[in-house]
Amino acid sequence: FQQSAVAVRGRHDGKPPMNHGKPVATGMGTSVLRYSHCRTASIMPHSIAIIEDDPAIGANYADALTAHGYAVQVYADRKTALAGLHTRLPDLVLLDIGLAGEPDAGFALCRDLRSRSATLPIIFLTARDNEFDMVSGLRLGADDYVTKSVSLPHLLARIAALFRRAQVGAVAATAEDVLARGALTIDLKRF
């Protein structure tokens, strides 16, 4: 991977952002699209959506994840995230609970995302560290719940573990289900 981060926030000269001479979409509303690109076009980085209402925190996480080869989109509130994720879901979501004046917007967003995909990895990344919120987040379908005090290596390890699990699940789903040897045929799912 060539780990060059490009923040699509607009240029200082008033011209639209460019990528190799081509205009780049800047996303919707207050969202920020960040990406890294690979030397080989056939290898695409995993995409991560960060839903965080504090611009500095969102930018810090986006910069760190982009530096580690992930394509990152940042959304500042539930409405913008719903609009941005409407057409295509990312490979993983990092989600805060309280968003832009809505104290439980992250819970509602988690419920919506889980109804759209049973396999989308969702991690709550929030300052709320009480047991009630942790249990609520996991019961709503999140795969993990960490507080913002987590170190970057720890967060990266959790993200990598969820991607490994998703990859194993995808391979298992496409594996051959029928074993045939001569006159004997075994359906491996039903035996």
N, C-alpha and C. Protein backbone atom coordinates (compact mmCIF):
# COMPACT_ATOMS: atom_id res chain seq x y z
N PHE A 1 0.83 -1.19 0.00
CA PHE A 1 0.00 0.00 0.00
C PHE A 1 0.87 1.24 0.00
N GLN A 2 0.46 2.18 -0.79
CA GLN A 2 1.07 3.50 -0.71
C GLN A 2 0.21 4.27 0.27
N GLN A 3 0.75 4.66 1.39
CA GLN A 3 -0.05 5.25 2.45
C GLN A 3 -0.01 6.77 2.39
N SER A 4 -0.59 7.33 1.35
CA SER A 4 -0.68 8.78 1.29
C SER A 4 -2.11 9.17 1.61
N ALA A 5 -2.27 10.03 2.60
CA ALA A 5 -3.60 10.45 3.01
C ALA A 5 -3.98 11.71 2.25
N VAL A 6 -5.20 11.76 1.79
CA VAL A 6 -5.70 12.94 1.10
C VAL A 6 -7.00 13.33 1.78
N ALA A 7 -7.04 14.50 2.35
CA ALA A 7 -8.27 14.98 2.98
C ALA A 7 -9.04 15.78 1.96
N VAL A 8 -10.26 15.40 1.72
CA VAL A 8 -11.06 16.09 0.73
C VAL A 8 -11.92 17.11 1.47
N ARG A 9 -11.36 18.25 1.73
CA ARG A 9 -12.06 19.32 2.43
C ARG A 9 -12.15 20.56 1.55
N GLY A 10 -11.60 20.50 0.38
CA GLY A 10 -11.52 21.67 -0.47
C GLY A 10 -10.10 22.19 -0.47
N ARG A 11 -9.79 22.95 -1.49
CA ARG A 11 -8.43 23.47 -1.61
C ARG A 11 -8.42 24.93 -1.19
N HIS A 12 -7.25 25.41 -0.86
CA HIS A 12 -7.11 26.80 -0.42
C HIS A 12 -7.24 27.79 -1.57
N ASP A 13 -7.05 27.34 -2.81
CA ASP A 13 -7.13 28.25 -3.95
C ASP A 13 -8.56 28.39 -4.50
N GLY A 14 -9.55 27.79 -3.83
CA GLY A 14 -10.94 27.93 -4.24
C GLY A 14 -11.36 26.94 -5.31
N LYS A 15 -10.43 26.15 -5.83
CA LYS A 15 -10.76 25.18 -6.87
C LYS A 15 -11.25 23.89 -6.21
N PRO A 16 -12.01 23.07 -6.95
CA PRO A 16 -12.46 21.82 -6.36
C PRO A 16 -11.29 20.88 -6.10
N PRO A 17 -11.42 19.97 -5.11
CA PRO A 17 -10.34 19.03 -4.84
C PRO A 17 -10.11 18.11 -6.04
N MET A 18 -8.87 17.73 -6.23
CA MET A 18 -8.50 16.91 -7.39
C MET A 18 -7.75 15.67 -6.93
N ASN A 19 -7.87 14.60 -7.69
CA ASN A 19 -7.12 13.37 -7.46
C ASN A 19 -6.57 12.95 -8.81
N HIS A 20 -5.29 13.05 -9.00
CA HIS A 20 -4.64 12.70 -10.26
C HIS A 20 -5.30 13.44 -11.42
N GLY A 21 -5.63 14.72 -11.23
CA GLY A 21 -6.19 15.54 -12.27
C GLY A 21 -7.69 15.42 -12.46
N LYS A 22 -8.35 14.58 -11.64
CA LYS A 22 -9.80 14.40 -11.75
C LYS A 22 -10.47 14.98 -10.52
N PRO A 23 -11.64 15.65 -10.69
CA PRO A 23 -12.35 16.19 -9.53
C PRO A 23 -12.78 15.06 -8.59
N VAL A 24 -12.81 15.37 -7.30
CA VAL A 24 -13.19 14.40 -6.28
C VAL A 24 -14.43 14.93 -5.56
N ALA A 25 -15.41 14.05 -5.36
CA ALA A 25 -16.61 14.45 -4.62
C ALA A 25 -16.25 14.67 -3.17
N THR A 26 -16.83 15.69 -2.57
CA THR A 26 -16.49 16.01 -1.19
C THR A 26 -17.47 15.45 -0.19
N GLY A 27 -18.40 14.64 -0.62
CA GLY A 27 -19.34 14.03 0.32
C GLY A 27 -20.54 14.92 0.56
N MET A 28 -21.36 14.57 1.53
CA MET A 28 -22.59 15.29 1.79
C MET A 28 -22.49 16.04 3.10
N GLY A 29 -23.11 17.20 3.15
CA GLY A 29 -23.20 17.95 4.40
C GLY A 29 -21.85 18.21 5.02
N THR A 30 -21.75 17.83 6.27
CA THR A 30 -20.52 18.07 7.00
C THR A 30 -19.59 16.87 6.98
N SER A 31 -19.92 15.90 6.14
CA SER A 31 -19.07 14.72 6.11
C SER A 31 -17.74 15.04 5.43
N VAL A 32 -16.74 14.31 5.79
CA VAL A 32 -15.41 14.46 5.21
C VAL A 32 -15.01 13.11 4.67
N LEU A 33 -14.57 13.06 3.43
CA LEU A 33 -14.12 11.82 2.84
C LEU A 33 -12.61 11.80 2.87
N ARG A 34 -12.06 10.76 3.42
CA ARG A 34 -10.61 10.60 3.43
C ARG A 34 -10.33 9.24 2.82
N TYR A 35 -9.23 9.14 2.12
CA TYR A 35 -8.92 7.87 1.51
C TYR A 35 -7.43 7.74 1.33
N SER A 36 -7.02 6.51 1.16
CA SER A 36 -5.66 6.24 0.74
C SER A 36 -5.79 5.34 -0.49
N HIS A 37 -4.81 5.33 -1.32
CA HIS A 37 -4.90 4.49 -2.50
C HIS A 37 -3.73 3.53 -2.56
N CYS A 38 -3.92 2.47 -3.30
CA CYS A 38 -2.93 1.41 -3.39
C CYS A 38 -2.16 1.52 -4.69
N ARG A 39 -0.99 0.96 -4.72
CA ARG A 39 -0.21 0.91 -5.95
C ARG A 39 -0.89 0.01 -6.98
N THR A 40 -1.51 -1.05 -6.52
CA THR A 40 -2.18 -1.99 -7.41
C THR A 40 -3.66 -1.69 -7.38
N ALA A 41 -4.23 -1.44 -8.56
CA ALA A 41 -5.64 -1.06 -8.63
C ALA A 41 -6.56 -2.19 -8.17
N SER A 42 -6.11 -3.44 -8.25
CA SER A 42 -6.98 -4.56 -7.88
C SER A 42 -7.11 -4.72 -6.37
N ILE A 43 -6.24 -4.10 -5.59
CA ILE A 43 -6.31 -4.20 -4.14
C ILE A 43 -6.97 -2.93 -3.61
N MET A 44 -8.15 -3.08 -3.06
CA MET A 44 -8.87 -1.93 -2.52
C MET A 44 -8.76 -1.95 -0.99
N PRO A 45 -8.51 -0.80 -0.39
CA PRO A 45 -8.45 -0.77 1.08
C PRO A 45 -9.84 -0.95 1.67
N HIS A 46 -9.89 -1.46 2.89
CA HIS A 46 -11.16 -1.56 3.61
C HIS A 46 -11.69 -0.15 3.86
N SER A 47 -13.00 0.01 3.75
CA SER A 47 -13.60 1.31 4.01
C SER A 47 -14.19 1.33 5.42
N ILE A 48 -13.97 2.44 6.11
CA ILE A 48 -14.46 2.62 7.47
C ILE A 48 -15.21 3.94 7.54
N ALA A 49 -16.42 3.89 8.09
CA ALA A 49 -17.19 5.11 8.34
C ALA A 49 -17.05 5.45 9.82
N ILE A 50 -16.68 6.69 10.09
CA ILE A 50 -16.61 7.19 11.46
C ILE A 50 -17.76 8.16 11.64
N ILE A 51 -18.60 7.91 12.63
CA ILE A 51 -19.71 8.81 12.91
C ILE A 51 -19.44 9.43 14.27
N GLU A 52 -18.98 10.69 14.22
CA GLU A 52 -18.47 11.40 15.39
C GLU A 52 -18.80 12.88 15.23
N ASP A 53 -19.46 13.47 16.24
CA ASP A 53 -19.87 14.87 16.12
C ASP A 53 -18.79 15.88 16.49
N ASP A 54 -17.73 15.48 17.13
CA ASP A 54 -16.63 16.38 17.44
C ASP A 54 -15.66 16.37 16.26
N PRO A 55 -15.54 17.49 15.52
CA PRO A 55 -14.71 17.49 14.31
C PRO A 55 -13.25 17.15 14.57
N ALA A 56 -12.69 17.60 15.68
CA ALA A 56 -11.28 17.32 15.98
C ALA A 56 -11.06 15.83 16.24
N ILE A 57 -11.96 15.22 17.01
CA ILE A 57 -11.83 13.79 17.30
C ILE A 57 -12.02 12.98 16.03
N GLY A 58 -13.03 13.32 15.25
CA GLY A 58 -13.27 12.61 13.99
C GLY A 58 -12.07 12.70 13.05
N ALA A 59 -11.50 13.90 12.94
CA ALA A 59 -10.33 14.10 12.07
C ALA A 59 -9.12 13.32 12.58
N ASN A 60 -8.92 13.28 13.90
CA ASN A 60 -7.79 12.53 14.46
C ASN A 60 -7.90 11.04 14.15
N TYR A 61 -9.09 10.47 14.37
CA TYR A 61 -9.28 9.05 14.06
C TYR A 61 -9.14 8.81 12.57
N ALA A 62 -9.69 9.69 11.75
CA ALA A 62 -9.59 9.53 10.30
C ALA A 62 -8.14 9.57 9.84
N ASP A 63 -7.37 10.51 10.36
CA ASP A 63 -5.95 10.60 9.99
C ASP A 63 -5.19 9.34 10.39
N ALA A 64 -5.44 8.85 11.61
CA ALA A 64 -4.74 7.65 12.09
C ALA A 64 -5.11 6.42 11.26
N LEU A 65 -6.39 6.25 10.95
CA LEU A 65 -6.82 5.08 10.18
C LEU A 65 -6.36 5.17 8.73
N THR A 66 -6.38 6.37 8.17
CA THR A 66 -5.90 6.56 6.81
C THR A 66 -4.42 6.24 6.72
N ALA A 67 -3.66 6.64 7.73
CA ALA A 67 -2.23 6.34 7.75
C ALA A 67 -1.96 4.84 7.81
N HIS A 68 -2.94 4.07 8.26
CA HIS A 68 -2.80 2.61 8.32
C HIS A 68 -3.45 1.92 7.13
N GLY A 69 -3.77 2.68 6.09
CA GLY A 69 -4.21 2.10 4.83
C GLY A 69 -5.70 1.93 4.64
N TYR A 70 -6.52 2.50 5.51
CA TYR A 70 -7.97 2.38 5.38
C TYR A 70 -8.53 3.58 4.62
N ALA A 71 -9.61 3.35 3.88
CA ALA A 71 -10.38 4.43 3.26
C ALA A 71 -11.40 4.87 4.30
N VAL A 72 -11.43 6.15 4.64
CA VAL A 72 -12.23 6.62 5.77
C VAL A 72 -13.20 7.72 5.34
N GLN A 73 -14.43 7.60 5.82
CA GLN A 73 -15.45 8.64 5.67
C GLN A 73 -15.84 9.08 7.07
N VAL A 74 -15.98 10.39 7.28
CA VAL A 74 -16.37 10.92 8.57
C VAL A 74 -17.71 11.63 8.42
N TYR A 75 -18.64 11.30 9.31
CA TYR A 75 -19.96 11.93 9.33
C TYR A 75 -20.16 12.55 10.70
N ALA A 76 -20.76 13.74 10.74
CA ALA A 76 -20.86 14.49 11.98
C ALA A 76 -22.17 14.26 12.74
N ASP A 77 -23.17 13.70 12.10
CA ASP A 77 -24.44 13.50 12.78
C ASP A 77 -25.21 12.34 12.15
N ARG A 78 -26.29 11.96 12.78
CA ARG A 78 -27.08 10.80 12.33
C ARG A 78 -27.67 11.03 10.95
N LYS A 79 -28.22 12.22 10.73
CA LYS A 79 -28.89 12.52 9.46
C LYS A 79 -27.89 12.45 8.29
N THR A 80 -26.73 13.05 8.46
CA THR A 80 -25.71 13.04 7.43
C THR A 80 -25.19 11.62 7.19
N ALA A 81 -25.02 10.86 8.27
CA ALA A 81 -24.55 9.48 8.14
C ALA A 81 -25.58 8.63 7.39
N LEU A 82 -26.85 8.77 7.73
CA LEU A 82 -27.89 8.01 7.03
C LEU A 82 -27.90 8.33 5.54
N ALA A 83 -27.77 9.61 5.21
CA ALA A 83 -27.75 10.01 3.80
C ALA A 83 -26.51 9.46 3.09
N GLY A 84 -25.36 9.57 3.73
CA GLY A 84 -24.11 9.12 3.13
C GLY A 84 -23.99 7.62 3.00
N LEU A 85 -24.61 6.89 3.91
CA LEU A 85 -24.52 5.42 3.90
C LEU A 85 -25.73 4.78 3.23
N HIS A 86 -26.62 5.59 2.68
CA HIS A 86 -27.85 5.07 2.08
C HIS A 86 -27.58 4.17 0.88
N THR A 87 -26.68 4.58 0.01
CA THR A 87 -26.45 3.82 -1.22
C THR A 87 -25.43 2.70 -1.06
N ARG A 88 -24.43 2.89 -0.21
CA ARG A 88 -23.39 1.87 -0.06
C ARG A 88 -22.87 1.86 1.37
N LEU A 89 -22.91 0.69 1.96
CA LEU A 89 -22.39 0.56 3.32
C LEU A 89 -20.88 0.39 3.28
N PRO A 90 -20.17 0.90 4.29
CA PRO A 90 -18.72 0.69 4.37
C PRO A 90 -18.43 -0.74 4.84
N ASP A 91 -17.16 -1.06 4.97
CA ASP A 91 -16.77 -2.38 5.46
C ASP A 91 -16.85 -2.46 6.99
N LEU A 92 -16.81 -1.31 7.68
CA LEU A 92 -16.86 -1.26 9.14
C LEU A 92 -17.33 0.13 9.55
N VAL A 93 -18.02 0.21 10.69
CA VAL A 93 -18.50 1.50 11.21
C VAL A 93 -17.97 1.69 12.63
N LEU A 94 -17.39 2.88 12.88
CA LEU A 94 -17.04 3.33 14.23
C LEU A 94 -18.09 4.37 14.60
N LEU A 95 -18.78 4.16 15.70
CA LEU A 95 -19.99 4.92 15.98
C LEU A 95 -19.99 5.48 17.40
N ASP A 96 -20.20 6.78 17.52
CA ASP A 96 -20.38 7.42 18.82
C ASP A 96 -21.86 7.31 19.19
N ILE A 97 -22.18 7.40 20.48
CA ILE A 97 -23.58 7.29 20.90
C ILE A 97 -24.27 8.65 20.80
N GLY A 98 -23.73 9.65 21.47
CA GLY A 98 -24.32 10.98 21.44
C GLY A 98 -23.83 11.74 20.22
N LEU A 99 -24.78 12.20 19.38
CA LEU A 99 -24.41 12.88 18.15
C LEU A 99 -25.21 14.17 17.98
N ALA A 100 -24.54 15.29 17.90
CA ALA A 100 -25.13 16.58 17.56
C ALA A 100 -26.44 16.87 18.29
N GLY A 101 -26.41 16.82 19.59
CA GLY A 101 -27.59 17.15 20.38
C GLY A 101 -28.58 16.01 20.57
N GLU A 102 -28.34 14.88 19.95
CA GLU A 102 -29.18 13.69 20.14
C GLU A 102 -28.43 12.72 21.05
N PRO A 103 -28.83 12.61 22.30
CA PRO A 103 -28.05 11.81 23.25
C PRO A 103 -27.96 10.32 22.91
N ASP A 104 -28.93 9.77 22.19
CA ASP A 104 -28.91 8.35 21.86
C ASP A 104 -28.97 8.09 20.36
N ALA A 105 -28.53 9.04 19.55
CA ALA A 105 -28.58 8.90 18.09
C ALA A 105 -27.77 7.71 17.60
N GLY A 106 -26.66 7.42 18.26
CA GLY A 106 -25.83 6.29 17.86
C GLY A 106 -26.55 4.96 18.02
N PHE A 107 -27.36 4.85 19.07
CA PHE A 107 -28.14 3.62 19.26
C PHE A 107 -29.13 3.45 18.11
N ALA A 108 -29.83 4.53 17.75
CA ALA A 108 -30.80 4.46 16.65
C ALA A 108 -30.09 4.13 15.34
N LEU A 109 -28.93 4.73 15.11
CA LEU A 109 -28.18 4.46 13.89
C LEU A 109 -27.69 3.02 13.85
N CYS A 110 -27.24 2.50 14.97
CA CYS A 110 -26.81 1.11 15.04
C CYS A 110 -27.96 0.17 14.68
N ARG A 111 -29.13 0.44 15.23
CA ARG A 111 -30.31 -0.38 14.95
C ARG A 111 -30.63 -0.34 13.45
N ASP A 112 -30.55 0.85 12.85
CA ASP A 112 -30.84 0.98 11.42
C ASP A 112 -29.80 0.24 10.57
N LEU A 113 -28.53 0.41 10.89
CA LEU A 113 -27.47 -0.27 10.14
C LEU A 113 -27.57 -1.78 10.26
N ARG A 114 -27.89 -2.25 11.46
CA ARG A 114 -28.00 -3.69 11.67
C ARG A 114 -29.19 -4.27 10.90
N SER A 115 -30.27 -3.50 10.75
CA SER A 115 -31.41 -3.98 9.97
C SER A 115 -31.07 -4.06 8.49
N ARG A 116 -30.13 -3.26 8.04
CA ARG A 116 -29.71 -3.29 6.64
C ARG A 116 -28.68 -4.36 6.35
N SER A 117 -27.87 -4.73 7.34
CA SER A 117 -26.84 -5.75 7.14
C SER A 117 -26.58 -6.49 8.45
N ALA A 118 -26.75 -7.78 8.41
CA ALA A 118 -26.50 -8.59 9.60
C ALA A 118 -25.01 -8.81 9.84
N THR A 119 -24.19 -8.57 8.82
CA THR A 119 -22.77 -8.88 8.93
C THR A 119 -21.86 -7.65 9.01
N LEU A 120 -22.41 -6.45 8.87
CA LEU A 120 -21.60 -5.23 8.93
C LEU A 120 -20.95 -5.10 10.30
N PRO A 121 -19.61 -5.06 10.39
CA PRO A 121 -18.97 -4.86 11.69
C PRO A 121 -19.22 -3.44 12.22
N ILE A 122 -19.74 -3.35 13.44
CA ILE A 122 -20.04 -2.07 14.07
C ILE A 122 -19.33 -2.03 15.42
N ILE A 123 -18.56 -0.97 15.64
CA ILE A 123 -17.88 -0.75 16.92
C ILE A 123 -18.37 0.57 17.50
N PHE A 124 -18.92 0.52 18.70
CA PHE A 124 -19.20 1.78 19.39
C PHE A 124 -17.88 2.31 19.93
N LEU A 125 -17.56 3.55 19.58
CA LEU A 125 -16.37 4.24 20.07
C LEU A 125 -16.87 5.52 20.72
N THR A 126 -16.98 5.49 22.03
CA THR A 126 -17.70 6.55 22.74
C THR A 126 -17.04 6.86 24.07
N ALA A 127 -17.38 8.01 24.62
CA ALA A 127 -16.89 8.39 25.95
C ALA A 127 -17.75 7.78 27.04
N ARG A 128 -18.93 7.31 26.71
CA ARG A 128 -19.84 6.75 27.71
C ARG A 128 -19.36 5.36 28.10
N ASP A 129 -18.94 5.26 29.37
CA ASP A 129 -18.31 4.02 29.83
C ASP A 129 -19.12 3.27 30.88
N ASN A 130 -20.42 3.57 30.99
CA ASN A 130 -21.19 2.84 32.00
C ASN A 130 -21.70 1.53 31.42
N GLU A 131 -21.92 0.59 32.30
CA GLU A 131 -22.29 -0.77 31.90
C GLU A 131 -23.63 -0.81 31.16
N PHE A 132 -24.58 0.04 31.56
CA PHE A 132 -25.89 0.05 30.89
C PHE A 132 -25.74 0.37 29.41
N ASP A 133 -24.93 1.40 29.07
CA ASP A 133 -24.72 1.75 27.66
C ASP A 133 -23.98 0.66 26.91
N MET A 134 -22.99 0.04 27.56
CA MET A 134 -22.24 -1.04 26.91
C MET A 134 -23.16 -2.20 26.55
N VAL A 135 -23.96 -2.63 27.52
CA VAL A 135 -24.88 -3.74 27.28
C VAL A 135 -25.92 -3.35 26.23
N SER A 136 -26.43 -2.13 26.30
CA SER A 136 -27.42 -1.67 25.32
C SER A 136 -26.84 -1.69 23.91
N GLY A 137 -25.64 -1.20 23.75
CA GLY A 137 -24.99 -1.17 22.44
C GLY A 137 -24.79 -2.56 21.87
N LEU A 138 -24.34 -3.48 22.71
CA LEU A 138 -24.12 -4.84 22.24
C LEU A 138 -25.44 -5.55 21.93
N ARG A 139 -26.46 -5.29 22.72
CA ARG A 139 -27.77 -5.89 22.46
C ARG A 139 -28.41 -5.36 21.18
N LEU A 140 -28.09 -4.13 20.82
CA LEU A 140 -28.63 -3.56 19.58
C LEU A 140 -27.93 -4.10 18.33
N GLY A 141 -26.86 -4.85 18.53
CA GLY A 141 -26.20 -5.48 17.40
C GLY A 141 -24.78 -5.06 17.13
N ALA A 142 -24.21 -4.22 17.97
CA ALA A 142 -22.80 -3.84 17.78
C ALA A 142 -21.91 -5.05 18.05
N ASP A 143 -20.80 -5.10 17.34
CA ASP A 143 -19.85 -6.21 17.51
C ASP A 143 -18.86 -5.94 18.63
N ASP A 144 -18.67 -4.67 18.96
CA ASP A 144 -17.70 -4.30 19.99
C ASP A 144 -18.09 -2.95 20.57
N TYR A 145 -17.57 -2.66 21.74
CA TYR A 145 -17.85 -1.40 22.44
C TYR A 145 -16.57 -1.01 23.14
N VAL A 146 -15.98 0.12 22.73
CA VAL A 146 -14.77 0.61 23.37
C VAL A 146 -14.94 2.08 23.70
N THR A 147 -14.24 2.52 24.71
CA THR A 147 -14.31 3.94 25.07
C THR A 147 -13.19 4.69 24.36
N LYS A 148 -13.35 6.00 24.30
CA LYS A 148 -12.39 6.83 23.58
C LYS A 148 -11.02 6.88 24.26
N SER A 149 -10.91 6.32 25.44
CA SER A 149 -9.61 6.25 26.09
C SER A 149 -8.76 5.11 25.54
N VAL A 150 -9.31 4.32 24.63
CA VAL A 150 -8.58 3.18 24.05
C VAL A 150 -7.37 3.69 23.27
N SER A 151 -6.28 2.96 23.33
CA SER A 151 -5.09 3.35 22.58
C SER A 151 -5.27 3.01 21.11
N LEU A 152 -4.56 3.68 20.25
CA LEU A 152 -4.66 3.43 18.82
C LEU A 152 -4.27 1.99 18.47
N PRO A 153 -3.17 1.44 19.00
CA PRO A 153 -2.85 0.04 18.68
C PRO A 153 -3.97 -0.93 19.10
N HIS A 154 -4.59 -0.66 20.24
CA HIS A 154 -5.69 -1.52 20.70
C HIS A 154 -6.87 -1.41 19.74
N LEU A 155 -7.24 -0.20 19.35
CA LEU A 155 -8.34 -0.01 18.41
C LEU A 155 -8.04 -0.66 17.07
N LEU A 156 -6.83 -0.49 16.57
CA LEU A 156 -6.44 -1.11 15.29
C LEU A 156 -6.51 -2.63 15.37
N ALA A 157 -6.13 -3.20 16.51
CA ALA A 157 -6.21 -4.66 16.68
C ALA A 157 -7.66 -5.13 16.67
N ARG A 158 -8.55 -4.39 17.29
CA ARG A 158 -9.97 -4.77 17.29
C ARG A 158 -10.56 -4.67 15.89
N ILE A 159 -10.18 -3.63 15.16
CA ILE A 159 -10.66 -3.46 13.78
C ILE A 159 -10.15 -4.62 12.92
N ALA A 160 -8.87 -4.93 13.02
CA ALA A 160 -8.28 -6.02 12.24
C ALA A 160 -8.95 -7.36 12.58
N ALA A 161 -9.27 -7.57 13.86
CA ALA A 161 -9.92 -8.82 14.26
C ALA A 161 -11.31 -8.94 13.62
N LEU A 162 -12.05 -7.83 13.57
CA LEU A 162 -13.37 -7.87 12.93
C LEU A 162 -13.26 -8.11 11.43
N PHE A 163 -12.24 -7.53 10.79
CA PHE A 163 -12.05 -7.78 9.36
C PHE A 163 -11.65 -9.24 9.11
N ARG A 164 -10.82 -9.81 9.98
CA ARG A 164 -10.47 -11.23 9.84
C ARG A 164 -11.70 -12.11 9.97
N ARG A 165 -12.54 -11.81 10.96
CA ARG A 165 -13.75 -12.60 11.17
C ARG A 165 -14.68 -12.49 9.97
N ALA A 166 -14.82 -11.29 9.41
CA ALA A 166 -15.68 -11.09 8.24
C ALA A 166 -15.12 -11.86 7.04
N GLN A 167 -13.80 -11.88 6.89
CA GLN A 167 -13.18 -12.58 5.77
C GLN A 167 -13.38 -14.09 5.90
N VAL A 168 -13.24 -14.63 7.10
CA VAL A 168 -13.47 -16.06 7.32
C VAL A 168 -14.92 -16.41 7.03
N GLY A 169 -15.85 -15.56 7.46
CA GLY A 169 -17.26 -15.80 7.20
C GLY A 169 -17.57 -15.79 5.71
N ALA A 170 -16.93 -14.91 4.95
CA ALA A 170 -17.16 -14.84 3.51
C ALA A 170 -16.61 -16.08 2.82
N VAL A 171 -15.44 -16.56 3.26
CA VAL A 171 -14.87 -17.76 2.67
C VAL A 171 -15.73 -18.98 2.98
N ALA A 172 -16.21 -19.08 4.22
CA ALA A 172 -17.03 -20.22 4.59
C ALA A 172 -18.34 -20.23 3.81
N ALA A 173 -18.89 -19.06 3.51
CA ALA A 173 -20.15 -18.98 2.79
C ALA A 173 -20.00 -19.42 1.35
N THR A 174 -18.81 -19.30 0.77
CA THR A 174 -18.61 -19.68 -0.62
C THR A 174 -17.97 -21.05 -0.77
N ALA A 175 -17.69 -21.74 0.33
CA ALA A 175 -17.06 -23.06 0.26
C ALA A 175 -18.00 -24.07 -0.38
N GLU A 176 -17.42 -25.10 -0.93
CA GLU A 176 -18.21 -26.17 -1.55
C GLU A 176 -19.02 -26.88 -0.47
N ASP A 177 -20.34 -27.03 -0.69
CA ASP A 177 -21.22 -27.64 0.30
C ASP A 177 -21.50 -29.11 0.03
N VAL A 178 -21.14 -29.59 -1.16
CA VAL A 178 -21.44 -30.98 -1.50
C VAL A 178 -20.13 -31.70 -1.82
N LEU A 179 -19.96 -32.84 -1.20
CA LEU A 179 -18.79 -33.69 -1.42
C LEU A 179 -19.26 -34.95 -2.14
N ALA A 180 -18.70 -35.21 -3.31
CA ALA A 180 -19.11 -36.40 -4.07
C ALA A 180 -17.90 -37.29 -4.31
N ARG A 181 -18.05 -38.56 -3.97
CA ARG A 181 -17.02 -39.57 -4.20
C ARG A 181 -17.72 -40.80 -4.78
N GLY A 182 -17.60 -40.98 -6.08
CA GLY A 182 -18.27 -42.10 -6.74
C GLY A 182 -19.78 -41.99 -6.60
N ALA A 183 -20.41 -43.05 -6.09
CA ALA A 183 -21.87 -43.07 -5.91
C ALA A 183 -22.30 -42.36 -4.63
N LEU A 184 -21.35 -41.98 -3.78
CA LEU A 184 -21.66 -41.35 -2.50
C LEU A 184 -21.64 -39.83 -2.64
N THR A 185 -22.71 -39.17 -2.22
CA THR A 185 -22.80 -37.71 -2.20
C THR A 185 -23.19 -37.28 -0.80
N ILE A 186 -22.42 -36.35 -0.21
CA ILE A 186 -22.71 -35.86 1.14
C ILE A 186 -22.94 -34.37 1.08
N ASP A 187 -24.08 -33.93 1.61
CA ASP A 187 -24.35 -32.50 1.79
C ASP A 187 -23.72 -32.13 3.12
N LEU A 188 -22.65 -31.36 3.08
CA LEU A 188 -21.91 -31.05 4.29
C LEU A 188 -22.69 -30.21 5.29
N LYS A 189 -23.67 -29.45 4.81
CA LYS A 189 -24.48 -28.66 5.72
C LYS A 189 -25.49 -29.52 6.47
N ARG A 190 -26.06 -30.50 5.78
CA ARG A 190 -27.11 -31.33 6.39
C ARG A 190 -26.63 -32.72 6.77
N PHE A 191 -25.42 -33.10 6.31
CA PHE A 191 -24.88 -34.45 6.51
C PHE A 191 -25.86 -35.53 6.05
